[in-house]
Amino acid sequence: MALRVQVCRVGDVAPGESRGFTVPGVELPIMVTNLDGTYIATASMCPHEDVSLLGCKRRGAVVICRGHGYRFDLRTGACSHDPRLFLKRYRVSIEGDLIYAELV
């Protein structure tokens, strides 16, 4: 069973922006990215060596970890450097102007 949590509001993440949000009961912030009106929720830590992805460079839908330059496609979670690594993604739903993520 999934844990559905409210993460933020639609207006909190501008087009082209990624931001981290603290959610009560969740240890690490959830990163929400607005890709041309499509909201993507992911873990905020790089699965390679637990470096925060918040504030890292992005090229389109790809976030680039500042620790070792690993690149993750936010749409799929796939890593271009290591096919065994995936950035955890969460299913997103929007109700009114609230963005929810399913964490399990």
PDB file of N, CA and C in Angstrom:
ATOM      1  N   MET A   1       0.841  -1.180   0.000  1.00  0.00           N
ATOM      2  CA  MET A   1       0.000   0.000   0.000  1.00  0.00           C
ATOM      3  C   MET A   1       0.889   1.246   0.000  1.00  0.00           C
ATOM      4  N   ALA A   2       0.565   2.192  -0.871  1.00  0.00           N
ATOM      5  CA  ALA A   2       1.364   3.411  -1.019  1.00  0.00           C
ATOM      6  C   ALA A   2       1.020   4.418   0.073  1.00  0.00           C
ATOM      7  N   LEU A   3       2.026   5.194   0.439  1.00  0.00           N
ATOM      8  CA  LEU A   3       1.844   6.297   1.362  1.00  0.00           C
ATOM      9  C   LEU A   3       1.747   7.555   0.513  1.00  0.00           C
ATOM     10  N   ARG A   4       0.577   8.155   0.481  1.00  0.00           N
ATOM     11  CA  ARG A   4       0.336   9.348  -0.326  1.00  0.00           C
ATOM     12  C   ARG A   4       0.485  10.570   0.563  1.00  0.00           C
ATOM     13  N   VAL A   5       1.369  11.495   0.158  1.00  0.00           N
ATOM     14  CA  VAL A   5       1.633  12.675   0.970  1.00  0.00           C
ATOM     15  C   VAL A   5       1.506  13.938   0.119  1.00  0.00           C
ATOM     16  N   GLN A   6       1.045  15.006   0.756  1.00  0.00           N
ATOM     17  CA  GLN A   6       1.021  16.302   0.088  1.00  0.00           C
ATOM     18  C   GLN A   6       2.435  16.869   0.136  1.00  0.00           C
ATOM     19  N   VAL A   7       2.956  17.261  -1.015  1.00  0.00           N
ATOM     20  CA  VAL A   7       4.327  17.744  -1.084  1.00  0.00           C
ATOM     21  C   VAL A   7       4.378  19.272  -1.176  1.00  0.00           C
ATOM     22  N   CYS A   8       3.570  19.850  -2.065  1.00  0.00           N
ATOM     23  CA  CYS A   8       3.617  21.292  -2.280  1.00  0.00           C
ATOM     24  C   CYS A   8       2.399  21.723  -3.084  1.00  0.00           C
ATOM     25  N   ARG A   9       2.404  22.969  -3.523  1.00  0.00           N
ATOM     26  CA  ARG A   9       1.365  23.503  -4.400  1.00  0.00           C
ATOM     27  C   ARG A   9       1.946  23.689  -5.800  1.00  0.00           C
ATOM     28  N   VAL A  10       1.085  23.650  -6.790  1.00  0.00           N
ATOM     29  CA  VAL A  10       1.501  23.814  -8.183  1.00  0.00           C
ATOM     30  C   VAL A  10       2.330  25.089  -8.347  1.00  0.00           C
ATOM     31  N   GLY A  11       1.914  26.182  -7.763  1.00  0.00           N
ATOM     32  CA  GLY A  11       2.616  27.455  -7.903  1.00  0.00           C
ATOM     33  C   GLY A  11       3.954  27.524  -7.193  1.00  0.00           C
ATOM     34  N   ASP A  12       4.281  26.509  -6.388  1.00  0.00           N
ATOM     35  CA  ASP A  12       5.557  26.507  -5.659  1.00  0.00           C
ATOM     36  C   ASP A  12       6.756  26.150  -6.538  1.00  0.00           C
ATOM     37  N   VAL A  13       6.496  25.562  -7.711  1.00  0.00           N
ATOM     38  CA  VAL A  13       7.582  25.118  -8.595  1.00  0.00           C
ATOM     39  C   VAL A  13       7.353  25.706  -9.982  1.00  0.00           C
ATOM     40  N   ALA A  14       8.142  26.701 -10.328  1.00  0.00           N
ATOM     41  CA  ALA A  14       8.009  27.380 -11.615  1.00  0.00           C
ATOM     42  C   ALA A  14       8.443  26.454 -12.759  1.00  0.00           C
ATOM     43  N   PRO A  15       7.953  26.703 -13.976  1.00  0.00           N
ATOM     44  CA  PRO A  15       8.395  25.902 -15.127  1.00  0.00           C
ATOM     45  C   PRO A  15       9.922  25.903 -15.251  1.00  0.00           C
ATOM     46  N   GLY A  16      10.489  24.718 -15.438  1.00  0.00           N
ATOM     47  CA  GLY A  16      11.930  24.574 -15.562  1.00  0.00           C
ATOM     48  C   GLY A  16      12.675  24.494 -14.245  1.00  0.00           C
ATOM     49  N   GLU A  17      11.952  24.577 -13.138  1.00  0.00           N
ATOM     50  CA  GLU A  17      12.576  24.612 -11.814  1.00  0.00           C
ATOM     51  C   GLU A  17      12.460  23.258 -11.112  1.00  0.00           C
ATOM     52  N   SER A  18      13.444  22.980 -10.249  1.00  0.00           N
ATOM     53  CA  SER A  18      13.390  21.848  -9.313  1.00  0.00           C
ATOM     54  C   SER A  18      13.544  22.428  -7.916  1.00  0.00           C
ATOM     55  N   ARG A  19      12.729  21.930  -6.977  1.00  0.00           N
ATOM     56  CA  ARG A  19      12.820  22.387  -5.586  1.00  0.00           C
ATOM     57  C   ARG A  19      12.618  21.212  -4.654  1.00  0.00           C
ATOM     58  N   GLY A  20      13.218  21.310  -3.487  1.00  0.00           N
ATOM     59  CA  GLY A  20      13.053  20.294  -2.463  1.00  0.00           C
ATOM     60  C   GLY A  20      12.025  20.725  -1.441  1.00  0.00           C
ATOM     61  N   PHE A  21      11.243  19.766  -0.953  1.00  0.00           N
ATOM     62  CA  PHE A  21      10.205  20.041   0.035  1.00  0.00           C
ATOM     63  C   PHE A  21      10.285  19.025   1.170  1.00  0.00           C
ATOM     64  N   THR A  22      10.276  19.546   2.370  1.00  0.00           N
ATOM     65  CA  THR A  22      10.250  18.697   3.548  1.00  0.00           C
ATOM     66  C   THR A  22       8.816  18.255   3.794  1.00  0.00           C
ATOM     67  N   VAL A  23       8.646  16.965   4.028  1.00  0.00           N
ATOM     68  CA  VAL A  23       7.328  16.388   4.284  1.00  0.00           C
ATOM     69  C   VAL A  23       7.364  15.751   5.668  1.00  0.00           C
ATOM     70  N   PRO A  24       6.422  16.104   6.544  1.00  0.00           N
ATOM     71  CA  PRO A  24       6.409  15.508   7.883  1.00  0.00           C
ATOM     72  C   PRO A  24       6.418  13.979   7.808  1.00  0.00           C
ATOM     73  N   GLY A  25       7.283  13.370   8.610  1.00  0.00           N
ATOM     74  CA  GLY A  25       7.372  11.921   8.660  1.00  0.00           C
ATOM     75  C   GLY A  25       8.289  11.308   7.614  1.00  0.00           C
ATOM     76  N   VAL A  26       8.832  12.131   6.722  1.00  0.00           N
ATOM     77  CA  VAL A  26       9.735  11.653   5.683  1.00  0.00           C
ATOM     78  C   VAL A  26      11.122  12.217   5.993  1.00  0.00           C
ATOM     79  N   GLU A  27      12.120  11.351   6.034  1.00  0.00           N
ATOM     80  CA  GLU A  27      13.455  11.746   6.491  1.00  0.00           C
ATOM     81  C   GLU A  27      14.129  12.797   5.604  1.00  0.00           C
ATOM     82  N   LEU A  28      14.089  12.606   4.290  1.00  0.00           N
ATOM     83  CA  LEU A  28      14.772  13.508   3.363  1.00  0.00           C
ATOM     84  C   LEU A  28      13.767  14.289   2.530  1.00  0.00           C
ATOM     85  N   PRO A  29      14.157  15.483   2.067  1.00  0.00           N
ATOM     86  CA  PRO A  29      13.236  16.245   1.213  1.00  0.00           C
ATOM     87  C   PRO A  29      12.896  15.487  -0.062  1.00  0.00           C
ATOM     88  N   ILE A  30      11.731  15.779  -0.598  1.00  0.00           N
ATOM     89  CA  ILE A  30      11.304  15.255  -1.887  1.00  0.00           C
ATOM     90  C   ILE A  30      11.563  16.358  -2.909  1.00  0.00           C
ATOM     91  N   MET A  31      12.193  16.001  -4.027  1.00  0.00           N
ATOM     92  CA  MET A  31      12.464  16.979  -5.073  1.00  0.00           C
ATOM     93  C   MET A  31      11.337  16.940  -6.090  1.00  0.00           C
ATOM     94  N   VAL A  32      10.766  18.106  -6.365  1.00  0.00           N
ATOM     95  CA  VAL A  32       9.712  18.232  -7.375  1.00  0.00           C
ATOM     96  C   VAL A  32      10.252  19.100  -8.496  1.00  0.00           C
ATOM     97  N   THR A  33      10.090  18.624  -9.725  1.00  0.00           N
ATOM     98  CA  THR A  33      10.542  19.340 -10.913  1.00  0.00           C
ATOM     99  C   THR A  33       9.346  19.611 -11.810  1.00  0.00           C
ATOM    100  N   ASN A  34       9.293  20.812 -12.353  1.00  0.00           N
ATOM    101  CA  ASN A  34       8.250  21.200 -13.301  1.00  0.00           C
ATOM    102  C   ASN A  34       8.875  21.218 -14.690  1.00  0.00           C
ATOM    103  N   LEU A  35       8.565  20.197 -15.479  1.00  0.00           N
ATOM    104  CA  LEU A  35       9.042  20.127 -16.859  1.00  0.00           C
ATOM    105  C   LEU A  35       7.897  20.516 -17.778  1.00  0.00           C
ATOM    106  N   ASP A  36       7.837  21.800 -18.110  1.00  0.00           N
ATOM    107  CA  ASP A  36       6.801  22.316 -19.013  1.00  0.00           C
ATOM    108  C   ASP A  36       5.396  21.914 -18.572  1.00  0.00           C
ATOM    109  N   GLY A  37       5.122  22.043 -17.287  1.00  0.00           N
ATOM    110  CA  GLY A  37       3.786  21.748 -16.772  1.00  0.00           C
ATOM    111  C   GLY A  37       3.585  20.317 -16.317  1.00  0.00           C
ATOM    112  N   THR A  38       4.560  19.458 -16.528  1.00  0.00           N
ATOM    113  CA  THR A  38       4.515  18.093 -16.014  1.00  0.00           C
ATOM    114  C   THR A  38       5.345  18.060 -14.742  1.00  0.00           C
ATOM    115  N   TYR A  39       4.742  17.629 -13.653  1.00  0.00           N
ATOM    116  CA  TYR A  39       5.429  17.603 -12.362  1.00  0.00           C
ATOM    117  C   TYR A  39       5.980  16.210 -12.103  1.00  0.00           C
ATOM    118  N   ILE A  40       7.253  16.177 -11.740  1.00  0.00           N
ATOM    119  CA  ILE A  40       7.946  14.929 -11.453  1.00  0.00           C
ATOM    120  C   ILE A  40       8.473  15.006 -10.030  1.00  0.00           C
ATOM    121  N   ALA A  41       8.211  13.978  -9.243  1.00  0.00           N
ATOM    122  CA  ALA A  41       8.703  13.913  -7.859  1.00  0.00           C
ATOM    123  C   ALA A  41       9.733  12.794  -7.771  1.00  0.00           C
ATOM    124  N   THR A  42      10.879  13.118  -7.164  1.00  0.00           N
ATOM    125  CA  THR A  42      11.957  12.146  -7.032  1.00  0.00           C
ATOM    126  C   THR A  42      12.596  12.264  -5.650  1.00  0.00           C
ATOM    127  N   ALA A  43      13.436  11.288  -5.351  1.00  0.00           N
ATOM    128  CA  ALA A  43      14.289  11.396  -4.174  1.00  0.00           C
ATOM    129  C   ALA A  43      15.222  12.584  -4.394  1.00  0.00           C
ATOM    130  N   SER A  44      15.673  13.184  -3.321  1.00  0.00           N
ATOM    131  CA  SER A  44      16.560  14.350  -3.444  1.00  0.00           C
ATOM    132  C   SER A  44      18.033  13.986  -3.267  1.00  0.00           C
ATOM    133  N   MET A  45      18.324  12.698  -3.136  1.00  0.00           N
ATOM    134  CA  MET A  45      19.707  12.249  -2.946  1.00  0.00           C
ATOM    135  C   MET A  45      20.133  11.373  -4.115  1.00  0.00           C
ATOM    136  N   CYS A  46      21.367  11.560  -4.550  1.00  0.00           N
ATOM    137  CA  CYS A  46      21.926  10.746  -5.618  1.00  0.00           C
ATOM    138  C   CYS A  46      22.102   9.309  -5.107  1.00  0.00           C
ATOM    139  N   PRO A  47      21.641   8.317  -5.863  1.00  0.00           N
ATOM    140  CA  PRO A  47      21.792   6.929  -5.417  1.00  0.00           C
ATOM    141  C   PRO A  47      23.224   6.415  -5.538  1.00  0.00           C
ATOM    142  N   HIS A  48      24.098   7.187  -6.147  1.00  0.00           N
ATOM    143  CA  HIS A  48      25.485   6.754  -6.274  1.00  0.00           C
ATOM    144  C   HIS A  48      26.206   6.846  -4.933  1.00  0.00           C
ATOM    145  N   GLU A  49      26.206   8.050  -4.322  1.00  0.00           N
ATOM    146  CA  GLU A  49      26.897   8.204  -3.044  1.00  0.00           C
ATOM    147  C   GLU A  49      26.203   9.198  -2.118  1.00  0.00           C
ATOM    148  N   ASP A  50      24.893   9.248  -2.158  1.00  0.00           N
ATOM    149  CA  ASP A  50      24.110  10.064  -1.225  1.00  0.00           C
ATOM    150  C   ASP A  50      24.523  11.536  -1.175  1.00  0.00           C
ATOM    151  N   VAL A  51      24.710  12.139  -2.326  1.00  0.00           N
ATOM    152  CA  VAL A  51      24.949  13.578  -2.440  1.00  0.00           C
ATOM    153  C   VAL A  51      23.612  14.221  -2.768  1.00  0.00           C
ATOM    154  N   SER A  52      23.295  15.350  -2.137  1.00  0.00           N
ATOM    155  CA  SER A  52      22.033  16.028  -2.408  1.00  0.00           C
ATOM    156  C   SER A  52      21.976  16.496  -3.857  1.00  0.00           C
ATOM    157  N   LEU A  53      20.833  16.256  -4.494  1.00  0.00           N
ATOM    158  CA  LEU A  53      20.607  16.732  -5.855  1.00  0.00           C
ATOM    159  C   LEU A  53      19.953  18.106  -5.876  1.00  0.00           C
ATOM    160  N   LEU A  54      19.574  18.614  -4.705  1.00  0.00           N
ATOM    161  CA  LEU A  54      18.939  19.928  -4.636  1.00  0.00           C
ATOM    162  C   LEU A  54      19.952  21.001  -5.031  1.00  0.00           C
ATOM    163  N   GLY A  55      19.584  21.830  -5.960  1.00  0.00           N
ATOM    164  CA  GLY A  55      20.465  22.887  -6.429  1.00  0.00           C
ATOM    165  C   GLY A  55      21.473  22.446  -7.475  1.00  0.00           C
ATOM    166  N   CYS A  56      21.417  21.185  -7.888  1.00  0.00           N
ATOM    167  CA  CYS A  56      22.338  20.704  -8.917  1.00  0.00           C
ATOM    168  C   CYS A  56      21.931  21.226 -10.286  1.00  0.00           C
ATOM    169  N   LYS A  57      22.885  21.219 -11.210  1.00  0.00           N
ATOM    170  CA  LYS A  57      22.595  21.642 -12.586  1.00  0.00           C
ATOM    171  C   LYS A  57      21.642  20.669 -13.240  1.00  0.00           C
ATOM    172  N   ARG A  58      20.863  21.229 -14.172  1.00  0.00           N
ATOM    173  CA  ARG A  58      19.966  20.407 -14.985  1.00  0.00           C
ATOM    174  C   ARG A  58      20.126  20.793 -16.428  1.00  0.00           C
ATOM    175  N   ARG A  59      19.981  19.821 -17.284  1.00  0.00           N
ATOM    176  CA  ARG A  59      19.903  20.056 -18.723  1.00  0.00           C
ATOM    177  C   ARG A  59      18.631  19.377 -19.187  1.00  0.00           C
ATOM    178  N   GLY A  60      17.584  20.174 -19.376  1.00  0.00           N
ATOM    179  CA  GLY A  60      16.291  19.612 -19.730  1.00  0.00           C
ATOM    180  C   GLY A  60      15.793  18.720 -18.616  1.00  0.00           C
ATOM    181  N   ALA A  61      15.547  17.461 -18.940  1.00  0.00           N
ATOM    182  CA  ALA A  61      15.025  16.508 -17.961  1.00  0.00           C
ATOM    183  C   ALA A  61      16.129  15.739 -17.244  1.00  0.00           C
ATOM    184  N   VAL A  62      17.383  16.156 -17.427  1.00  0.00           N
ATOM    185  CA  VAL A  62      18.504  15.446 -16.818  1.00  0.00           C
ATOM    186  C   VAL A  62      19.100  16.279 -15.691  1.00  0.00           C
ATOM    187  N   VAL A  63      19.189  15.670 -14.498  1.00  0.00           N
ATOM    188  CA  VAL A  63      19.842  16.323 -13.359  1.00  0.00           C
ATOM    189  C   VAL A  63      21.254  15.749 -13.253  1.00  0.00           C
ATOM    190  N   ILE A  64      22.212  16.644 -12.987  1.00  0.00           N
ATOM    191  CA  ILE A  64      23.623  16.262 -12.944  1.00  0.00           C
ATOM    192  C   ILE A  64      24.122  16.412 -11.510  1.00  0.00           C
ATOM    193  N   CYS A  65      24.499  15.300 -10.899  1.00  0.00           N
ATOM    194  CA  CYS A  65      24.961  15.311  -9.514  1.00  0.00           C
ATOM    195  C   CYS A  65      26.284  16.053  -9.392  1.00  0.00           C
ATOM    196  N   ARG A  66      26.349  16.942  -8.426  1.00  0.00           N
ATOM    197  CA  ARG A  66      27.566  17.740  -8.228  1.00  0.00           C
ATOM    198  C   ARG A  66      28.710  16.909  -7.634  1.00  0.00           C
ATOM    199  N   GLY A  67      28.399  15.749  -7.058  1.00  0.00           N
ATOM    200  CA  GLY A  67      29.442  14.932  -6.439  1.00  0.00           C
ATOM    201  C   GLY A  67      30.396  14.310  -7.446  1.00  0.00           C
ATOM    202  N   HIS A  68      29.859  13.586  -8.419  1.00  0.00           N
ATOM    203  CA  HIS A  68      30.697  12.874  -9.383  1.00  0.00           C
ATOM    204  C   HIS A  68      30.204  13.021 -10.816  1.00  0.00           C
ATOM    205  N   GLY A  69      29.239  13.899 -11.033  1.00  0.00           N
ATOM    206  CA  GLY A  69      28.767  14.154 -12.388  1.00  0.00           C
ATOM    207  C   GLY A  69      27.813  13.120 -12.948  1.00  0.00           C
ATOM    208  N   TYR A  70      27.300  12.248 -12.099  1.00  0.00           N
ATOM    209  CA  TYR A  70      26.342  11.253 -12.579  1.00  0.00           C
ATOM    210  C   TYR A  70      25.088  11.975 -13.065  1.00  0.00           C
ATOM    211  N   ARG A  71      24.528  11.495 -14.176  1.00  0.00           N
ATOM    212  CA  ARG A  71      23.360  12.122 -14.798  1.00  0.00           C
ATOM    213  C   ARG A  71      22.168  11.179 -14.708  1.00  0.00           C
ATOM    214  N   PHE A  72      21.039  11.748 -14.276  1.00  0.00           N
ATOM    215  CA  PHE A  72      19.815  10.970 -14.131  1.00  0.00           C
ATOM    216  C   PHE A  72      18.696  11.623 -14.913  1.00  0.00           C
ATOM    217  N   ASP A  73      17.999  10.828 -15.699  1.00  0.00           N
ATOM    218  CA  ASP A  73      16.835  11.310 -16.438  1.00  0.00           C
ATOM    219  C   ASP A  73      15.659  11.346 -15.471  1.00  0.00           C
ATOM    220  N   LEU A  74      15.143  12.528 -15.201  1.00  0.00           N
ATOM    221  CA  LEU A  74      14.052  12.671 -14.235  1.00  0.00           C
ATOM    222  C   LEU A  74      12.780  11.962 -14.699  1.00  0.00           C
ATOM    223  N   ARG A  75      12.611  11.783 -16.008  1.00  0.00           N
ATOM    224  CA  ARG A  75      11.397  11.135 -16.530  1.00  0.00           C
ATOM    225  C   ARG A  75      11.390   9.634 -16.282  1.00  0.00           C
ATOM    226  N   THR A  76      12.586   9.029 -16.228  1.00  0.00           N
ATOM    227  CA  THR A  76      12.672   7.568 -16.078  1.00  0.00           C
ATOM    228  C   THR A  76      13.427   7.135 -14.832  1.00  0.00           C
ATOM    229  N   GLY A  77      14.279   8.005 -14.311  1.00  0.00           N
ATOM    230  CA  GLY A  77      15.140   7.664 -13.188  1.00  0.00           C
ATOM    231  C   GLY A  77      16.450   7.024 -13.613  1.00  0.00           C
ATOM    232  N   ALA A  78      16.598   6.728 -14.914  1.00  0.00           N
ATOM    233  CA  ALA A  78      17.784   6.028 -15.415  1.00  0.00           C
ATOM    234  C   ALA A  78      19.033   6.894 -15.313  1.00  0.00           C
ATOM    235  N   CYS A  79      20.149   6.227 -15.026  1.00  0.00           N
ATOM    236  CA  CYS A  79      21.455   6.876 -14.941  1.00  0.00           C
ATOM    237  C   CYS A  79      22.220   6.597 -16.236  1.00  0.00           C
ATOM    238  N   SER A  80      22.772   7.648 -16.842  1.00  0.00           N
ATOM    239  CA  SER A  80      23.513   7.453 -18.090  1.00  0.00           C
ATOM    240  C   SER A  80      24.901   6.872 -17.855  1.00  0.00           C
ATOM    241  N   HIS A  81      25.420   6.935 -16.629  1.00  0.00           N
ATOM    242  CA  HIS A  81      26.758   6.435 -16.321  1.00  0.00           C
ATOM    243  C   HIS A  81      26.760   4.969 -15.875  1.00  0.00           C
ATOM    244  N   ASP A  82      25.688   4.553 -15.233  1.00  0.00           N
ATOM    245  CA  ASP A  82      25.656   3.207 -14.654  1.00  0.00           C
ATOM    246  C   ASP A  82      24.225   2.673 -14.750  1.00  0.00           C
ATOM    247  N   PRO A  83      23.978   1.713 -15.633  1.00  0.00           N
ATOM    248  CA  PRO A  83      22.610   1.210 -15.826  1.00  0.00           C
ATOM    249  C   PRO A  83      22.030   0.506 -14.601  1.00  0.00           C
ATOM    250  N   ARG A  84      22.859   0.247 -13.591  1.00  0.00           N
ATOM    251  CA  ARG A  84      22.344  -0.385 -12.361  1.00  0.00           C
ATOM    252  C   ARG A  84      21.756   0.638 -11.398  1.00  0.00           C
ATOM    253  N   LEU A  85      22.056   1.917 -11.600  1.00  0.00           N
ATOM    254  CA  LEU A  85      21.579   2.973 -10.705  1.00  0.00           C
ATOM    255  C   LEU A  85      20.307   3.616 -11.248  1.00  0.00           C
ATOM    256  N   PHE A  86      19.378   3.857 -10.348  1.00  0.00           N
ATOM    257  CA  PHE A  86      18.146   4.559 -10.694  1.00  0.00           C
ATOM    258  C   PHE A  86      17.823   5.570  -9.609  1.00  0.00           C
ATOM    259  N   LEU A  87      17.414   6.751 -10.035  1.00  0.00           N
ATOM    260  CA  LEU A  87      16.918   7.764  -9.120  1.00  0.00           C
ATOM    261  C   LEU A  87      15.473   7.405  -8.788  1.00  0.00           C
ATOM    262  N   LYS A  88      15.179   7.283  -7.515  1.00  0.00           N
ATOM    263  CA  LYS A  88      13.830   6.911  -7.077  1.00  0.00           C
ATOM    264  C   LYS A  88      12.837   7.976  -7.524  1.00  0.00           C
ATOM    265  N   ARG A  89      11.783   7.539  -8.212  1.00  0.00           N
ATOM    266  CA  ARG A  89      10.708   8.418  -8.669  1.00  0.00           C
ATOM    267  C   ARG A  89       9.426   8.055  -7.928  1.00  0.00           C
ATOM    268  N   TYR A  90       8.586   9.045  -7.740  1.00  0.00           N
ATOM    269  CA  TYR A  90       7.313   8.833  -7.054  1.00  0.00           C
ATOM    270  C   TYR A  90       6.172   9.229  -7.975  1.00  0.00           C
ATOM    271  N   ARG A  91       5.112   8.438  -7.940  1.00  0.00           N
ATOM    272  CA  ARG A  91       3.917   8.768  -8.723  1.00  0.00           C
ATOM    273  C   ARG A  91       3.330  10.070  -8.190  1.00  0.00           C
ATOM    274  N   VAL A  92       2.990  10.975  -9.095  1.00  0.00           N
ATOM    275  CA  VAL A  92       2.450  12.293  -8.743  1.00  0.00           C
ATOM    276  C   VAL A  92       0.987  12.361  -9.120  1.00  0.00           C
ATOM    277  N   SER A  93       0.204  12.992  -8.254  1.00  0.00           N
ATOM    278  CA  SER A  93      -1.180  13.332  -8.595  1.00  0.00           C
ATOM    279  C   SER A  93      -1.416  14.770  -8.152  1.00  0.00           C
ATOM    280  N   ILE A  94      -2.314  15.425  -8.866  1.00  0.00           N
ATOM    281  CA  ILE A  94      -2.630  16.820  -8.573  1.00  0.00           C
ATOM    282  C   ILE A  94      -4.127  16.932  -8.333  1.00  0.00           C
ATOM    283  N   GLU A  95      -4.458  17.554  -7.220  1.00  0.00           N
ATOM    284  CA  GLU A  95      -5.861  17.822  -6.885  1.00  0.00           C
ATOM    285  C   GLU A  95      -5.979  19.309  -6.613  1.00  0.00           C
ATOM    286  N   GLY A  96      -6.719  19.995  -7.475  1.00  0.00           N
ATOM    287  CA  GLY A  96      -6.792  21.442  -7.357  1.00  0.00           C
ATOM    288  C   GLY A  96      -5.411  21.998  -7.630  1.00  0.00           C
ATOM    289  N   ASP A  97      -4.829  22.695  -6.662  1.00  0.00           N
ATOM    290  CA  ASP A  97      -3.461  23.191  -6.839  1.00  0.00           C
ATOM    291  C   ASP A  97      -2.465  22.475  -5.923  1.00  0.00           C
ATOM    292  N   LEU A  98      -2.866  21.337  -5.372  1.00  0.00           N
ATOM    293  CA  LEU A  98      -1.991  20.567  -4.473  1.00  0.00           C
ATOM    294  C   LEU A  98      -1.317  19.417  -5.216  1.00  0.00           C
ATOM    295  N   ILE A  99      -0.022  19.261  -4.989  1.00  0.00           N
ATOM    296  CA  ILE A  99       0.738  18.163  -5.589  1.00  0.00           C
ATOM    297  C   ILE A  99       0.978  17.106  -4.512  1.00  0.00           C
ATOM    298  N   TYR A 100       0.607  15.873  -4.834  1.00  0.00           N
ATOM    299  CA  TYR A 100       0.783  14.728  -3.944  1.00  0.00           C
ATOM    300  C   TYR A 100       1.774  13.753  -4.574  1.00  0.00           C
ATOM    301  N   ALA A 101       2.479  13.023  -3.726  1.00  0.00           N
ATOM    302  CA  ALA A 101       3.392  11.966  -4.195  1.00  0.00           C
ATOM    303  C   ALA A 101       3.085  10.682  -3.432  1.00  0.00           C
ATOM    304  N   GLU A 102       3.169   9.556  -4.131  1.00  0.00           N
ATOM    305  CA  GLU A 102       3.022   8.245  -3.519  1.00  0.00           C
ATOM    306  C   GLU A 102       4.423   7.726  -3.242  1.00  0.00           C
ATOM    307  N   LEU A 103       4.740   7.533  -1.983  1.00  0.00           N
ATOM    308  CA  LEU A 103       6.118   7.258  -1.580  1.00  0.00           C
ATOM    309  C   LEU A 103       6.516   5.793  -1.543  1.00  0.00           C
ATOM    310  N   VAL A 104       5.618   4.882  -1.786  1.00  0.00           N
ATOM    311  CA  VAL A 104       6.005   3.476  -1.759  1.00  0.00           C
ATOM    312  C   VAL A 104       5.703   2.814  -3.082  1.00  0.00           C
TER     313      VAL A 104
END
